[in-house]
Amino acid sequence: MNSENVQTKWGQFISLIIVFFFWGFVGSANDILIPVFKKVFTLSQVQSQLVAWAFYAAYFVGSIIFFLVSVKVDVLQKFGYKKTLSAGLLVSAFGSFLFVPAATMESFGFFLTALFIVGLGFSIQQIVANPLAIKMGSPSTGAHRLTLAGGINSFGTTVGAILLGIALFGMGDNKTTTLSLEDIKLPFIILGIAFIVVAIFMNFSKIENPPKIEVSKIEVTHEKFSVFDYPQLYLGMLAIFIYVGTEVTIISNLPALLHTNEFGNILEDSISPFIALYWGSLMIGRWNGGVNVFNTSNLINTALKFIVPALAFGVIIGANIFAGHDVSAFYIYPLWILLFIGVSFVGGKNAGKTLMLFGISGLTMMFAGLVCPDPSIAKFFFISGGLFCSIMWPAIFDLAIAGLGKNTGKASSFLIMMILGGGVIPLVQGVICDLDLTNPEGILGITYTHFSYIVPLLGFAYLAFYGFYCPKILKSQGVSHVEAETVGH
């Protein structure tokens, strides 16, 4: 049977995307924990960013461990996808339960350790779930399945912040600004139990392991692989590092920005709507890209490019209203969404052009947020960075692995390791924020916390450069044009 005609195994795939939801849920929950830990433990801004460091460093460490183990034994071939995925879920469950003793001991270091272990489990899940989703049907529709999974991931990031905000601060008339580490215990106990339930479900589900791949000895060569032989790869590794770091740093430092007098001194209990809007912006972008999954006429496809983002924005507003948040200030945000839709039409499916245009757009939004005299508008320029980050991951990946042939797998593992940027770049921005402690007069008429958004501005600048320059590298190598698939990270 021709592999191109294999139908997607929807029952199995729907079971798998639960894992993608968890990744998003915990990722956005970190952004609620950052201001909470900062206040409870009296941390500087750079110290509070250790939350992001612990989580994303775990991806790097987990990927290296998995890679080293795989040198000796092919884990996925030996133990199977289901068992390996279940093991990753159990590791994350263990990390979730460690939040209980961490809260009892009131230890920030213990919390970071717990979060690191959750991230280790996620690194295993990432390594397994992404290729498994691709293999659940025809290879030609593999990227589309990842698109749908990325949409679920983004939905998790959107509701995660709201649900954890409710768990910590309540909702409606019962809302409180009092912070207690005891309140953190129950959400993470529930999360740990959910990980175990899903692990058991996965282990006994009908999800099939893909056929084992027999490697012919004839194919084995003694050629050494070096990333420095491929400029598209090593520049792409830096692009992934900067992309993830830029995506994370915008939101990780947003609570500190909104807490300044300049931006209205918004307290911890009122942060979650803005976090939900940021991660929801990535959801809008990925749902918009997901429209290409459906085989429709050009007219319907164009209409869906407007309708689907509107529905996604409605989900964000509805979830916040359910939580009792006043989101009347958000009704201006569709202006940024329309700008995003326009840029996406111009970019089309060309990976380099898309990345360049979205990089320039993100840079423009960060610059506008820095110079806008009205903080009530400026914050939306920063938040809109989520829209322009939303579909960068696949464009970078497509460009970075183009022309690598048999070395594509090795290159992909190096690219995944660069998720470490999500832990490093927020620390850099946090250092700039902390200059307000010793220099209250600020810089250029704004606070250093406000000025710190020069960091994502520079990040978008490099991503625009990579989108412009990499196609020229590929052309010089005789590599044919690549198109971007709308897969989200």
Protein backbone atom coordinates (compact mmCIF):
# COMPACT_ATOMS: atom_id res chain seq x y z
CA MET A 1 0.00 0.00 0.00
CA ASN A 2 1.37 3.41 -0.96
CA SER A 3 2.35 5.33 2.17
CA GLU A 4 1.04 8.49 0.59
CA ASN A 5 -2.48 7.04 0.72
CA VAL A 6 -2.39 6.01 4.39
CA GLN A 7 -5.28 7.63 6.24
CA THR A 8 -4.63 9.57 9.42
CA LYS A 9 -5.38 7.44 12.50
CA TRP A 10 -7.56 10.07 14.13
CA GLY A 11 -8.53 8.05 17.19
CA GLN A 12 -4.89 7.50 18.09
CA PHE A 13 -3.89 11.03 17.16
CA ILE A 14 -6.55 12.61 19.37
CA SER A 15 -5.21 10.56 22.28
CA LEU A 16 -1.70 11.81 21.56
CA ILE A 17 -2.49 15.53 21.41
CA ILE A 18 -3.47 15.50 25.10
CA VAL A 19 0.29 15.57 25.71
CA PHE A 20 0.66 18.69 23.57
CA PHE A 21 -1.98 20.38 25.73
CA PHE A 22 0.09 19.66 28.86
CA TRP A 23 3.19 21.25 27.37
CA GLY A 24 1.28 24.45 26.74
CA PHE A 25 -0.52 24.42 30.08
CA VAL A 26 2.68 24.17 32.14
CA GLY A 27 4.58 26.58 29.90
CA SER A 28 2.13 29.41 30.53
CA ALA A 29 1.73 28.46 34.21
CA ASN A 30 5.42 29.33 34.61
CA ASP A 31 4.56 32.94 33.77
CA ILE A 32 2.11 33.04 36.69
CA LEU A 33 4.68 31.48 39.03
CA ILE A 34 7.39 34.03 38.16
CA PRO A 35 5.69 37.09 39.75
CA VAL A 36 4.33 34.94 42.61
CA PHE A 37 7.79 33.60 43.50
CA LYS A 38 9.31 37.05 43.02
CA LYS A 39 7.01 38.52 45.67
CA VAL A 40 6.99 35.60 48.12
CA PHE A 41 10.76 35.03 48.07
CA THR A 42 11.67 38.73 47.55
CA LEU A 43 13.63 38.03 44.39
CA SER A 44 15.24 40.38 41.92
CA GLN A 45 13.89 40.20 38.38
CA VAL A 46 16.86 38.18 37.11
CA GLN A 47 16.46 35.74 40.01
CA SER A 48 12.77 35.30 39.19
CA GLN A 49 13.76 34.38 35.62
CA LEU A 50 15.47 31.27 37.01
CA VAL A 51 11.99 29.74 36.73
CA ALA A 52 12.27 29.91 32.93
CA TRP A 53 15.92 28.82 33.16
CA ALA A 54 15.11 25.67 35.15
CA PHE A 55 12.32 24.66 32.78
CA TYR A 56 14.09 25.24 29.46
CA ALA A 57 17.51 24.04 30.64
CA ALA A 58 15.78 20.73 31.34
CA TYR A 59 14.95 20.42 27.63
CA PHE A 60 18.64 20.89 26.81
CA VAL A 61 19.87 18.41 29.43
CA GLY A 62 17.14 15.88 28.62
CA SER A 63 17.92 16.04 24.90
CA ILE A 64 21.63 15.47 25.52
CA ILE A 65 20.96 12.52 27.86
CA PHE A 66 18.57 10.98 25.35
CA PHE A 67 21.08 11.52 22.53
CA LEU A 68 23.94 9.90 24.49
CA VAL A 69 21.78 6.94 25.48
CA SER A 70 20.64 6.56 21.87
CA VAL A 71 24.25 6.24 20.74
CA LYS A 72 24.36 2.89 22.59
CA VAL A 73 20.76 1.78 22.12
CA ASP A 74 17.89 3.07 19.99
CA VAL A 75 15.43 3.80 22.80
CA LEU A 76 12.37 4.26 20.58
CA GLN A 77 13.05 1.07 18.62
CA LYS A 78 13.85 -0.99 21.73
CA PHE A 79 11.14 0.15 24.15
CA GLY A 80 8.58 1.53 21.73
CA TYR A 81 6.97 4.94 21.43
CA LYS A 82 4.12 4.32 23.88
CA LYS A 83 6.30 3.09 26.74
CA THR A 84 8.86 5.85 26.25
CA LEU A 85 6.13 8.49 26.13
CA SER A 86 4.52 7.03 29.28
CA ALA A 87 7.90 7.14 31.03
CA GLY A 88 8.24 10.83 30.17
CA LEU A 89 4.78 11.52 31.60
CA LEU A 90 5.68 9.72 34.84
CA VAL A 91 8.87 11.78 35.18
CA SER A 92 6.78 14.96 34.84
CA ALA A 93 4.29 13.59 37.38
CA PHE A 94 7.12 13.07 39.88
CA GLY A 95 8.28 16.66 39.33
CA SER A 96 4.72 17.95 39.84
CA PHE A 97 4.36 16.13 43.17
CA LEU A 98 7.65 17.68 44.34
CA PHE A 99 5.88 21.04 44.39
CA VAL A 100 4.16 19.88 47.60
CA PRO A 101 7.31 19.47 49.76
CA ALA A 102 8.79 22.55 48.03
CA ALA A 103 5.80 24.61 49.22
CA THR A 104 5.94 23.07 52.70
CA MET A 105 9.65 23.87 53.03
CA GLU A 106 9.16 27.28 51.36
CA SER A 107 12.27 26.63 49.28
CA PHE A 108 12.75 28.45 45.96
CA GLY A 109 15.59 26.07 45.07
CA PHE A 110 13.31 23.08 45.67
CA PHE A 111 10.68 24.63 43.39
CA LEU A 112 13.29 25.06 40.65
CA THR A 113 14.35 21.42 41.08
CA ALA A 114 10.73 20.28 40.79
CA LEU A 115 10.20 22.38 37.67
CA PHE A 116 13.45 21.06 36.17
CA ILE A 117 12.22 17.47 36.61
CA VAL A 118 8.88 18.36 34.99
CA GLY A 119 10.89 19.77 32.08
CA LEU A 120 13.02 16.62 31.84
CA GLY A 121 9.85 14.61 31.39
CA PHE A 122 8.68 17.07 28.76
CA SER A 123 11.95 16.67 26.82
CA ILE A 124 11.31 12.93 26.56
CA GLN A 125 7.72 13.56 25.52
CA GLN A 126 8.83 16.06 22.86
CA ILE A 127 11.33 13.62 21.37
CA VAL A 128 8.65 10.93 21.11
CA ALA A 129 5.41 12.78 20.38
CA ASN A 130 6.54 14.91 17.44
CA PRO A 131 7.78 12.05 15.20
CA LEU A 132 4.93 9.83 16.38
CA ALA A 133 2.38 12.42 15.21
CA ILE A 134 4.09 12.55 11.83
CA LYS A 135 3.97 8.75 11.50
CA MET A 136 0.23 8.47 12.31
CA GLY A 137 -0.74 8.48 8.67
CA SER A 138 0.58 9.61 5.33
CA PRO A 139 4.01 11.34 5.42
CA SER A 140 2.59 14.05 3.15
CA THR A 141 0.15 15.12 5.88
CA GLY A 142 2.55 14.70 8.80
CA ALA A 143 3.24 18.42 9.10
CA HIS A 144 -0.50 19.13 9.06
CA ARG A 145 -1.00 16.80 12.04
CA LEU A 146 1.71 18.73 13.87
CA THR A 147 -0.13 21.91 12.96
CA LEU A 148 -3.26 20.63 14.68
CA ALA A 149 -1.20 19.45 17.66
CA GLY A 150 0.45 22.88 17.83
CA GLY A 151 -2.99 24.46 17.96
CA ILE A 152 -3.88 22.30 20.96
CA ASN A 153 -0.56 23.23 22.56
CA SER A 154 -1.42 26.91 22.12
CA PHE A 155 -4.88 26.34 23.57
CA GLY A 156 -3.16 24.87 26.63
CA THR A 157 -0.95 27.94 27.01
CA THR A 158 -4.00 30.19 26.76
CA VAL A 159 -6.17 28.51 29.39
CA GLY A 160 -3.27 27.42 31.63
CA ALA A 161 -2.55 30.94 32.84
CA ILE A 162 -6.24 31.60 33.51
CA LEU A 163 -6.88 28.34 35.38
CA LEU A 164 -3.78 28.67 37.57
CA GLY A 165 -4.70 32.31 38.23
CA ILE A 166 -8.11 31.13 39.45
CA ALA A 167 -6.49 28.42 41.61
CA LEU A 168 -4.12 30.90 43.26
CA PHE A 169 -6.25 34.04 43.51
CA GLY A 170 -9.86 32.88 43.06
CA MET A 171 -12.35 34.58 40.77
CA GLY A 172 -15.13 37.13 40.86
CA ASP A 173 -16.11 38.34 44.35
CA ASN A 174 -13.89 35.68 45.96
CA LYS A 175 -10.74 37.06 44.34
CA THR A 176 -7.85 37.80 46.68
CA THR A 177 -4.43 39.42 46.38
CA THR A 178 -3.03 37.39 49.27
CA LEU A 179 -0.28 35.03 48.15
CA SER A 180 0.30 31.69 49.81
CA LEU A 181 2.60 28.89 48.69
CA GLU A 182 0.08 26.47 50.17
CA ASP A 183 -2.26 27.40 47.33
CA ILE A 184 0.27 26.05 44.82
CA LYS A 185 0.04 22.51 46.18
CA LEU A 186 -3.41 21.48 44.97
CA PRO A 187 -3.04 22.54 41.29
CA PHE A 188 0.20 20.60 40.96
CA ILE A 189 -1.15 17.56 42.79
CA ILE A 190 -4.00 17.53 40.28
CA LEU A 191 -1.50 18.01 37.45
CA GLY A 192 0.66 15.13 38.72
CA ILE A 193 -2.36 12.83 38.93
CA ALA A 194 -3.37 13.87 35.42
CA PHE A 195 0.10 12.97 34.12
CA ILE A 196 -0.20 9.50 35.69
CA VAL A 197 -3.70 8.95 34.31
CA VAL A 198 -2.60 9.94 30.81
CA ALA A 199 0.54 7.74 31.12
CA ILE A 200 -1.61 4.74 31.99
CA PHE A 201 -4.05 5.61 29.22
CA MET A 202 -1.22 5.93 26.70
CA ASN A 203 0.36 2.64 27.74
CA PHE A 204 -2.88 0.72 27.22
CA SER A 205 -4.20 2.74 24.29
CA LYS A 206 -4.45 1.47 20.74
CA ILE A 207 -1.64 3.78 19.64
CA GLU A 208 0.59 1.64 17.45
CA ASN A 209 4.35 1.82 17.33
CA PRO A 210 5.58 2.76 13.85
CA PRO A 211 7.27 -0.09 11.96
CA LYS A 212 10.85 -0.67 13.01
CA ILE A 213 13.39 0.67 10.58
CA GLU A 214 16.08 -1.78 9.60
CA VAL A 215 19.39 -0.06 8.94
CA SER A 216 21.49 -1.64 6.24
CA LYS A 217 25.17 -2.03 7.03
CA ILE A 218 25.91 -0.84 3.52
CA GLU A 219 24.56 2.58 4.48
CA VAL A 220 26.99 2.98 7.36
CA THR A 221 29.86 5.29 6.55
CA HIS A 222 32.79 6.68 8.48
CA GLU A 223 32.14 10.23 7.44
CA LYS A 224 32.08 12.58 10.42
CA PHE A 225 29.18 14.98 10.72
CA SER A 226 30.00 18.56 11.66
CA VAL A 227 27.48 21.35 12.07
CA PHE A 228 30.12 23.78 10.78
CA ASP A 229 29.92 22.16 7.35
CA TYR A 230 26.43 23.60 6.98
CA PRO A 231 26.05 27.37 7.51
CA GLN A 232 22.28 27.06 7.24
CA LEU A 233 22.40 24.69 10.24
CA TYR A 234 24.69 26.54 12.64
CA LEU A 235 23.02 29.86 11.85
CA GLY A 236 19.69 28.04 12.24
CA MET A 237 20.73 26.68 15.65
CA LEU A 238 21.36 30.27 16.74
CA ALA A 239 17.99 31.22 15.22
CA ILE A 240 16.16 28.54 17.25
CA PHE A 241 18.03 29.65 20.39
CA ILE A 242 17.04 33.28 19.79
CA TYR A 243 13.50 32.44 18.62
CA VAL A 244 12.57 30.43 21.74
CA GLY A 245 14.35 32.96 23.96
CA THR A 246 12.50 35.85 22.33
CA GLU A 247 9.13 34.10 22.60
CA VAL A 248 9.69 33.36 26.29
CA THR A 249 11.39 36.58 27.39
CA ILE A 250 8.59 38.83 26.11
CA ILE A 251 6.07 37.23 28.45
CA SER A 252 8.37 36.21 31.30
CA ASN A 253 9.30 39.84 31.94
CA LEU A 254 5.86 41.29 31.13
CA PRO A 255 4.58 40.99 34.75
CA ALA A 256 7.54 43.11 35.92
CA LEU A 257 6.79 45.70 33.23
CA LEU A 258 3.09 45.88 34.11
CA HIS A 259 4.00 46.17 37.80
CA THR A 260 5.92 49.41 37.22
CA ASN A 261 4.23 52.73 38.03
CA GLU A 262 4.74 53.63 34.38
CA PHE A 263 2.42 50.80 33.28
CA GLY A 264 -0.20 51.08 36.02
CA ASN A 265 1.28 49.03 38.88
CA ILE A 266 -0.77 45.96 37.93
CA LEU A 267 -0.58 43.37 40.75
CA GLU A 268 0.07 39.63 40.55
CA ASP A 269 -3.61 38.68 40.82
CA SER A 270 -4.43 40.70 37.69
CA ILE A 271 -1.60 39.44 35.47
CA SER A 272 -3.18 36.26 34.10
CA PRO A 273 -5.42 37.97 31.47
CA PHE A 274 -2.36 39.53 29.83
CA ILE A 275 -0.46 36.24 29.93
CA ALA A 276 -3.48 34.53 28.36
CA LEU A 277 -3.63 37.20 25.65
CA TYR A 278 0.05 36.72 24.82
CA TRP A 279 -0.09 32.94 24.57
CA GLY A 280 -3.48 33.29 22.90
CA SER A 281 -1.75 35.39 20.26
CA LEU A 282 0.40 32.38 19.40
CA MET A 283 -2.80 30.32 19.29
CA ILE A 284 -4.33 32.84 16.87
CA GLY A 285 -1.29 32.59 14.61
CA ARG A 286 -1.15 28.81 14.63
CA TRP A 287 -4.89 28.35 14.14
CA ASN A 288 -4.63 30.79 11.24
CA GLY A 289 -1.81 28.68 9.76
CA GLY A 290 -3.84 25.53 10.38
CA VAL A 291 -6.38 26.69 7.82
CA ASN A 292 -4.01 25.33 5.17
CA VAL A 293 -4.71 21.80 6.45
CA PHE A 294 -8.14 21.82 4.84
CA ASN A 295 -8.60 21.26 1.12
CA THR A 296 -10.83 24.22 0.30
CA SER A 297 -11.24 26.70 -2.52
CA ASN A 298 -9.18 29.90 -2.51
CA LEU A 299 -12.23 31.94 -1.58
CA ILE A 300 -13.10 29.77 1.42
CA ASN A 301 -9.44 29.58 2.46
CA THR A 302 -9.21 33.38 2.42
CA ALA A 303 -12.41 33.71 4.42
CA LEU A 304 -11.17 31.21 7.00
CA LYS A 305 -7.96 33.23 7.38
CA PHE A 306 -10.16 35.93 8.94
CA ILE A 307 -12.82 33.79 10.61
CA VAL A 308 -10.49 31.40 12.46
CA PRO A 309 -8.41 34.16 14.16
CA ALA A 310 -11.67 35.83 15.17
CA LEU A 311 -12.84 32.58 16.77
CA ALA A 312 -9.49 32.16 18.53
CA PHE A 313 -9.70 35.71 19.89
CA GLY A 314 -13.23 34.89 21.04
CA VAL A 315 -11.85 31.92 23.00
CA ILE A 316 -9.39 34.24 24.77
CA ILE A 317 -12.07 36.78 25.64
CA GLY A 318 -14.55 34.09 26.69
CA ALA A 319 -12.07 32.35 28.98
CA ASN A 320 -11.20 35.63 30.68
CA ILE A 321 -14.83 36.62 31.12
CA PHE A 322 -15.51 33.19 32.65
CA ALA A 323 -12.71 33.90 35.14
CA GLY A 324 -14.31 37.24 36.04
CA HIS A 325 -11.64 39.44 34.43
CA ASP A 326 -12.36 42.83 32.92
CA VAL A 327 -11.07 42.58 29.35
CA SER A 328 -12.66 45.71 27.90
CA ALA A 329 -9.16 47.07 27.19
CA PHE A 330 -8.52 44.06 24.94
CA TYR A 331 -11.13 45.05 22.36
CA ILE A 332 -8.58 47.19 20.51
CA TYR A 333 -6.32 44.17 19.97
CA PRO A 334 -8.01 42.97 16.71
CA LEU A 335 -6.13 45.82 15.01
CA TRP A 336 -2.88 43.92 15.62
CA ILE A 337 -4.53 40.67 14.53
CA LEU A 338 -5.54 42.24 11.20
CA LEU A 339 -1.95 43.42 10.71
CA PHE A 340 -0.74 39.87 11.39
CA ILE A 341 -3.20 38.42 8.86
CA GLY A 342 -1.99 40.89 6.24
CA VAL A 343 1.67 39.97 6.77
CA SER A 344 0.83 36.25 6.64
CA PHE A 345 -0.82 36.71 3.23
CA VAL A 346 2.32 38.43 1.90
CA GLY A 347 4.62 35.75 3.32
CA GLY A 348 2.64 32.87 1.87
CA LYS A 349 4.38 29.49 2.17
CA ASN A 350 7.88 30.72 1.41
CA ALA A 351 9.97 29.91 4.51
CA GLY A 352 12.60 32.59 4.07
CA LYS A 353 10.17 35.34 3.11
CA THR A 354 7.80 34.43 5.94
CA LEU A 355 10.56 34.48 8.53
CA MET A 356 12.00 37.75 7.24
CA LEU A 357 8.63 39.52 7.20
CA PHE A 358 7.60 38.25 10.61
CA GLY A 359 11.02 39.18 12.01
CA ILE A 360 10.70 42.72 10.65
CA SER A 361 7.13 42.93 11.98
CA GLY A 362 8.17 41.74 15.45
CA LEU A 363 11.06 44.21 15.48
CA THR A 364 8.65 47.00 14.51
CA MET A 365 6.22 46.04 17.28
CA MET A 366 8.98 46.04 19.93
CA PHE A 367 10.26 49.42 18.70
CA ALA A 368 6.73 50.85 18.75
CA GLY A 369 6.27 49.57 22.31
CA LEU A 370 9.49 51.30 23.35
CA VAL A 371 8.63 54.70 21.88
CA CYS A 372 4.83 54.76 22.29
CA PRO A 373 4.03 57.50 24.85
CA ASP A 374 0.80 55.78 25.97
CA PRO A 375 1.56 52.72 28.17
CA SER A 376 -2.00 51.43 27.73
CA ILE A 377 -1.21 51.02 24.01
CA ALA A 378 2.49 50.20 24.35
CA LYS A 379 1.80 46.96 26.23
CA PHE A 380 -0.22 45.64 23.30
CA PHE A 381 2.69 46.26 20.95
CA PHE A 382 4.81 44.03 23.19
CA ILE A 383 2.09 41.40 23.56
CA SER A 384 1.63 41.29 19.77
CA GLY A 385 5.12 39.79 19.62
CA GLY A 386 3.27 36.52 20.21
CA LEU A 387 1.45 36.89 16.90
CA PHE A 388 4.67 37.28 14.96
CA CYS A 389 6.48 34.49 16.85
CA SER A 390 3.60 32.09 16.22
CA ILE A 391 4.74 30.46 12.97
CA MET A 392 8.49 31.14 13.05
CA TRP A 393 9.49 27.70 14.36
CA PRO A 394 8.66 25.72 11.19
CA ALA A 395 10.19 28.35 8.92
CA ILE A 396 13.48 28.20 10.83
CA PHE A 397 13.42 24.39 10.90
CA ASP A 398 12.70 24.12 7.17
CA LEU A 399 15.61 26.41 6.33
CA ALA A 400 18.05 24.91 8.84
CA ILE A 401 17.71 21.27 7.69
CA ALA A 402 17.40 21.98 3.96
CA GLY A 403 20.00 20.09 1.93
CA LEU A 404 21.27 17.98 4.85
CA GLY A 405 20.05 14.67 3.43
CA LYS A 406 21.06 11.72 5.63
CA ASN A 407 22.24 14.11 8.35
CA THR A 408 18.76 15.58 8.82
CA GLY A 409 18.10 13.53 12.00
CA LYS A 410 21.35 14.59 13.64
CA ALA A 411 20.69 18.22 12.69
CA SER A 412 17.20 18.07 14.20
CA SER A 413 18.56 16.89 17.55
CA PHE A 414 20.97 19.83 17.64
CA LEU A 415 18.15 22.22 16.84
CA ILE A 416 15.97 20.83 19.64
CA MET A 417 18.82 21.39 22.11
CA MET A 418 18.72 25.08 21.24
CA ILE A 419 15.39 25.39 23.09
CA LEU A 420 17.82 26.30 25.88
CA GLY A 421 17.46 29.88 24.63
CA GLY A 422 14.15 30.01 26.50
CA GLY A 423 16.12 29.82 29.74
CA VAL A 424 19.04 32.10 28.86
CA ILE A 425 17.61 35.15 27.08
CA PRO A 426 15.01 35.95 29.81
CA LEU A 427 17.93 36.13 32.27
CA VAL A 428 19.62 38.73 30.05
CA GLN A 429 16.48 40.85 29.97
CA GLY A 430 16.05 40.35 33.72
CA VAL A 431 19.52 41.80 34.32
CA ILE A 432 18.51 44.97 32.44
CA CYS A 433 15.25 45.18 34.43
CA ASP A 434 17.18 45.07 37.70
CA LEU A 435 19.09 48.22 36.74
CA ASP A 436 15.98 50.07 37.98
CA LEU A 437 17.01 49.12 41.52
CA THR A 438 20.18 51.22 41.33
CA ASN A 439 19.14 53.67 38.60
CA PRO A 440 15.56 54.78 39.37
CA GLU A 441 15.89 57.68 36.91
CA GLY A 442 15.81 55.13 34.08
CA ILE A 443 17.17 55.67 30.58
CA LEU A 444 15.93 57.79 27.66
CA GLY A 445 12.95 58.87 29.74
CA ILE A 446 11.69 55.35 30.45
CA THR A 447 12.43 52.75 33.12
CA TYR A 448 15.09 50.12 32.52
CA THR A 449 12.34 47.50 32.77
CA HIS A 450 10.63 49.20 29.83
CA PHE A 451 13.94 49.64 28.00
CA SER A 452 14.71 45.91 28.51
CA TYR A 453 12.43 45.13 25.57
CA ILE A 454 15.41 46.05 23.41
CA VAL A 455 16.33 42.38 23.97
CA PRO A 456 13.42 40.84 21.99
CA LEU A 457 13.82 43.68 19.45
CA LEU A 458 17.36 42.49 18.75
CA GLY A 459 16.10 38.90 18.68
CA PHE A 460 13.57 39.70 15.97
CA ALA A 461 16.30 41.53 14.04
CA TYR A 462 18.46 38.39 13.87
CA LEU A 463 15.48 36.24 12.87
CA ALA A 464 14.68 38.64 10.03
CA PHE A 465 18.33 38.46 8.95
CA TYR A 466 18.29 34.66 8.96
CA GLY A 467 15.11 34.61 6.89
CA PHE A 468 16.76 36.94 4.36
CA TYR A 469 20.23 35.37 4.28
CA CYS A 470 19.61 31.62 4.55
CA PRO A 471 17.85 31.25 1.16
CA LYS A 472 20.96 32.80 -0.42
CA ILE A 473 23.11 30.14 1.31
CA LEU A 474 20.82 27.38 0.02
CA LYS A 475 20.85 28.83 -3.49
CA SER A 476 24.66 28.82 -3.50
CA GLN A 477 24.52 25.12 -2.53
CA GLY A 478 22.06 24.31 -5.30
CA VAL A 479 19.30 23.46 -2.80
CA SER A 480 15.83 23.98 -4.20
CA HIS A 481 13.34 26.40 -2.68
CA VAL A 482 11.70 25.31 0.59
CA GLU A 483 8.22 26.04 1.81
CA ALA A 484 7.20 26.63 5.41
CA GLU A 485 4.68 24.30 7.02
CA THR A 486 2.61 25.92 9.72
CA VAL A 487 3.74 23.80 12.64
CA GLY A 488 3.82 25.43 16.04
CA HIS A 489 6.21 24.98 18.88
